[in-house]
Amino acid sequence: MHAPVLDGARLRVAILVSAVLVTLAPLGGCPQPAPSDDSAQDQPAGDAPAKTFTWYSAFNPQNVGALSAVWGSSASDIFVVGGTFDQGEVYHFDGANWRAMEVPSVPLLVWVFGFGPDNVYAVGVGGGVVHYDGGKWTALDSGTKDDLWGIWGRAPNDMWIVGGKTGEGEPVLMHFDGVTFTPVPVPPNDRDATALFKVWGIGSKLFAVGERGLILSYDGANWSQVPAGAD
């Protein structure tokens, strides 16, 4: 597949821009007026000026599939994934310009995660997994045809992937050590959930969330269901 040329009318990606409100200095050495309410009086001295944030459209998309996830290693290294059900798409932002990247023939990509500009993964529909090494994207054999909805890792040799088909089968949970995808048994759940959508961790703990309010927790040895109020 050849990467199409991306111009300003091809892609809409929301970029967060912060505009700092500048406080005007008092004129002629006149003292500033006293605060008019209690909340202003409680404002600690020396606080930074307030900030506002404005979203704006960077591009107007035409003939572009859905855009489903974004990840970046820096402000000049941003990856956006998506596509159509027949073909995944990846776009890259270098801090100034967007470009469409050439990707293998894989279906829709729904999530992206990486460790740096030369080590990025994306997962998607039909068990699709692709890897970027800083030069090109390569398709990997995940060993499943089930949809994959999320990927996260502590290190390039310690990654987790979740997925499944809503309404049928069992949730998909896999560990990836950078070479081999290993299916991990999902504990029985009392919600009849058949898909996990996202996974994330901190310290030695991992959490995976999915269909019908399902939450799973990993303590470094075992996965177990976490009681949740969501249905």
Foldseek 3Di string as FASTA:
>chain_A
DDWDWDDQAADWDKDKDKDFDDDDDDPPPDDDDDDPDPVVVPDDPPDGGDIDIDIDTRGNRDPFFDWAEKDAPDLQWIWIWFGAQFAIWIWTHRNDDITTADEDGDGTWHYKDADHLQWIWTFFAQGWIWTGRNPHIDTDRLPGGFTWAEKDAPDLQWIWTWWFDFPDAATWIWTHGNDHTHTDDDDDDPQPGHTWHYKDDDDQKIWIAGPQGWIWMDNNDDIDTDDDPGD
